[in-house]
N, C-alpha and C. Protein backbone atom coordinates (compact mmCIF):
# COMPACT_ATOMS: atom_id res chain seq x y z
N MET A 1 108.11 75.85 151.04
CA MET A 1 108.93 76.93 151.57
C MET A 1 109.47 77.75 150.40
N VAL A 2 109.44 79.03 150.56
CA VAL A 2 109.87 79.95 149.50
C VAL A 2 111.37 80.15 149.60
N ASP A 3 112.02 80.06 148.46
CA ASP A 3 113.46 80.29 148.42
C ASP A 3 113.69 81.79 148.27
N TYR A 4 114.03 82.45 149.36
CA TYR A 4 114.19 83.90 149.36
C TYR A 4 115.35 84.35 148.49
N PHE A 5 116.39 83.55 148.39
CA PHE A 5 117.51 83.91 147.54
C PHE A 5 117.08 83.95 146.07
N ALA A 6 116.30 83.00 145.64
CA ALA A 6 115.84 82.98 144.25
C ALA A 6 114.93 84.17 143.96
N LEU A 7 114.06 84.51 144.89
CA LEU A 7 113.19 85.67 144.71
C LEU A 7 114.01 86.95 144.66
N ALA A 8 114.97 87.09 145.57
CA ALA A 8 115.79 88.30 145.61
C ALA A 8 116.65 88.42 144.36
N LEU A 9 117.19 87.32 143.89
CA LEU A 9 118.03 87.35 142.69
C LEU A 9 117.22 87.72 141.46
N SER A 10 116.07 87.10 141.28
CA SER A 10 115.27 87.40 140.08
C SER A 10 114.75 88.83 140.10
N HIS A 11 114.28 89.28 141.25
CA HIS A 11 113.78 90.65 141.32
C HIS A 11 114.92 91.66 141.23
N GLY A 12 116.05 91.32 141.77
CA GLY A 12 117.21 92.21 141.66
C GLY A 12 117.67 92.36 140.22
N LEU A 13 117.66 91.27 139.46
CA LEU A 13 118.04 91.35 138.05
C LEU A 13 117.02 92.14 137.24
N LEU A 14 115.75 92.01 137.56
CA LEU A 14 114.72 92.80 136.89
C LEU A 14 114.90 94.29 137.19
N ILE A 15 115.17 94.63 138.43
CA ILE A 15 115.40 96.02 138.80
C ILE A 15 116.64 96.57 138.11
N LEU A 16 117.69 95.77 138.03
CA LEU A 16 118.91 96.19 137.34
C LEU A 16 118.66 96.43 135.86
N ALA A 17 117.89 95.57 135.21
CA ALA A 17 117.57 95.74 133.80
C ALA A 17 116.74 97.00 133.58
N ILE A 18 115.75 97.23 134.42
CA ILE A 18 114.92 98.43 134.30
C ILE A 18 115.75 99.68 134.53
N TRP A 19 116.65 99.62 135.50
CA TRP A 19 117.53 100.76 135.79
C TRP A 19 118.38 101.12 134.57
N HIS A 20 118.93 100.11 133.92
CA HIS A 20 119.75 100.36 132.73
C HIS A 20 118.91 100.88 131.58
N LEU A 21 117.69 100.39 131.42
CA LEU A 21 116.83 100.86 130.34
C LEU A 21 116.39 102.31 130.55
N LEU A 22 116.12 102.68 131.80
CA LEU A 22 115.66 104.04 132.07
C LEU A 22 116.74 105.09 131.85
N TRP A 23 118.01 104.73 131.99
CA TRP A 23 119.08 105.71 131.87
C TRP A 23 119.75 105.71 130.51
N ARG A 24 119.11 105.08 129.51
CA ARG A 24 119.66 105.11 128.14
C ARG A 24 119.44 106.48 127.54
N ALA A 25 120.45 107.01 126.87
CA ALA A 25 120.36 108.35 126.29
C ALA A 25 119.45 108.37 125.06
N ASP A 26 119.37 107.28 124.32
CA ASP A 26 118.59 107.30 123.09
C ASP A 26 117.08 107.21 123.33
N LEU A 27 116.64 107.05 124.56
CA LEU A 27 115.21 107.03 124.83
C LEU A 27 114.60 108.42 124.76
N ASP A 28 115.43 109.47 124.93
CA ASP A 28 114.94 110.83 124.90
C ASP A 28 114.89 111.41 123.49
N GLU A 29 115.42 110.71 122.51
CA GLU A 29 115.46 111.22 121.15
C GLU A 29 114.34 110.59 120.33
N ASP A 30 113.71 111.42 119.50
CA ASP A 30 112.67 110.95 118.60
C ASP A 30 113.23 111.04 117.19
N PRO A 31 113.56 109.91 116.56
CA PRO A 31 114.16 109.99 115.22
C PRO A 31 113.17 110.57 114.21
N ALA A 32 113.73 111.31 113.27
CA ALA A 32 112.89 111.93 112.24
C ALA A 32 112.34 110.84 111.32
N ALA A 33 111.09 111.02 110.93
CA ALA A 33 110.46 110.07 110.03
C ALA A 33 110.97 110.32 108.62
N PRO A 34 111.23 109.28 107.86
CA PRO A 34 111.69 109.48 106.48
C PRO A 34 110.57 110.08 105.63
N GLU A 35 110.97 110.95 104.71
CA GLU A 35 109.98 111.59 103.85
C GLU A 35 109.51 110.59 102.79
N PRO A 36 108.21 110.52 102.56
CA PRO A 36 107.72 109.58 101.54
C PRO A 36 108.14 110.04 100.15
N ASP A 37 108.40 109.08 99.31
CA ASP A 37 108.80 109.37 97.94
C ASP A 37 107.57 109.85 97.18
N ALA A 38 107.68 111.00 96.49
CA ALA A 38 106.53 111.59 95.80
C ALA A 38 106.05 110.69 94.67
N ALA A 39 106.96 110.05 93.95
CA ALA A 39 106.56 109.18 92.84
C ALA A 39 105.86 107.93 93.35
N ALA A 40 106.31 107.40 94.45
CA ALA A 40 105.70 106.19 94.99
C ALA A 40 104.31 106.48 95.57
N ALA A 41 104.13 107.69 96.09
CA ALA A 41 102.84 108.04 96.67
C ALA A 41 101.79 108.27 95.58
N ALA A 42 102.22 108.74 94.39
CA ALA A 42 101.27 109.04 93.32
C ALA A 42 100.76 107.78 92.64
N GLU A 43 101.58 106.75 92.56
CA GLU A 43 101.21 105.52 91.87
C GLU A 43 100.77 104.46 92.88
N PRO A 44 99.50 104.06 92.85
CA PRO A 44 99.07 103.00 93.78
C PRO A 44 99.65 101.65 93.35
N GLU A 45 99.86 100.81 94.32
CA GLU A 45 100.37 99.48 94.01
C GLU A 45 99.27 98.64 93.37
N PRO A 46 99.63 97.78 92.43
CA PRO A 46 98.60 96.91 91.83
C PRO A 46 98.06 95.93 92.87
N ALA A 47 96.80 95.60 92.72
CA ALA A 47 96.16 94.68 93.66
C ALA A 47 96.76 93.28 93.51
N LYS A 48 96.96 92.64 94.62
CA LYS A 48 97.49 91.27 94.61
C LYS A 48 96.31 90.32 94.51
N PRO A 49 96.34 89.40 93.57
CA PRO A 49 95.15 88.58 93.31
C PRO A 49 94.73 87.69 94.48
N GLY A 50 95.63 87.26 95.32
CA GLY A 50 95.26 86.37 96.40
C GLY A 50 94.77 87.07 97.64
N LEU A 51 94.84 88.40 97.66
CA LEU A 51 94.51 89.13 98.89
C LEU A 51 93.23 89.96 98.77
N ARG A 52 92.39 89.68 97.80
CA ARG A 52 91.15 90.43 97.65
C ARG A 52 90.15 90.03 98.73
N ILE A 53 89.45 91.01 99.23
CA ILE A 53 88.42 90.75 100.24
C ILE A 53 87.06 90.91 99.56
N ARG A 54 86.25 89.92 99.68
CA ARG A 54 84.92 89.97 99.09
C ARG A 54 83.89 90.18 100.19
N ALA A 55 83.02 91.11 99.93
CA ALA A 55 82.00 91.42 100.95
C ALA A 55 80.69 90.76 100.61
């Protein structure tokens, strides 16, 4: 036998969580991406000896 109270409670809490997530103000904002550092972009990182891939 299915416990209808348990089903209603779990689905109700899921609906409540979705409702709160959909009405968040920060979901409509797209934060600006940080500008890459010019000096860091010009100098490549040295290769790490343990992470080389051999073909």
